[in-house]
């Protein structure tokens, strides 16, 4: 199953590529340029975000973009070139929630191979309960665990991260969680 549109042309010389096993002993079909022999690798995209928390509440953002317009999510988005994972998560939290926060540790690493993504969420301690959401967010609001609109959560990675956050908070100890969503 193809996750994204296949590569059609070489990024180096513009010639049409062919999908085949490279001559270097690789075991996967790759987009190979027959003109300049460049091998093009297709790799997962990183989605980075935070679990912003303030006391016993977490900050959720109501999406103003597709996919999942109008659903609730943690502030997150695609990592940009030149960013660290933490820098990208902080940028997304600022852009989507306009929150003031202090970054904490890595919290979840979730592989989603069917869409070619890896989601990384960091804990972030909010310094204020005042937010200034950006254009991708309809509303930004703090929720206690019993107030979260679980049926209106945008993505399974967000739901899994929230469940683990509240479980760890009850235990009084935060861990790094890794999981696969197939």
Foldseek 3Di string as FASTA:
>chain_A
DDQDDADQADPPPGAGWDWDAQPPPDPGTFTAHPPPGDTDDDAFWEKAAEFEDEVQWTKWFQFCDDDLHRFIFGQIGTDDPPDDRVRRHVVSCCAAWVFAWAWDAWAEWEAEPNNRYIYTYTYIYTPDQDTDGHPRTPDMHIDHPVRDPLVRHRDPVRVVRVVLVNVCVVVVHGDYYYYYDD
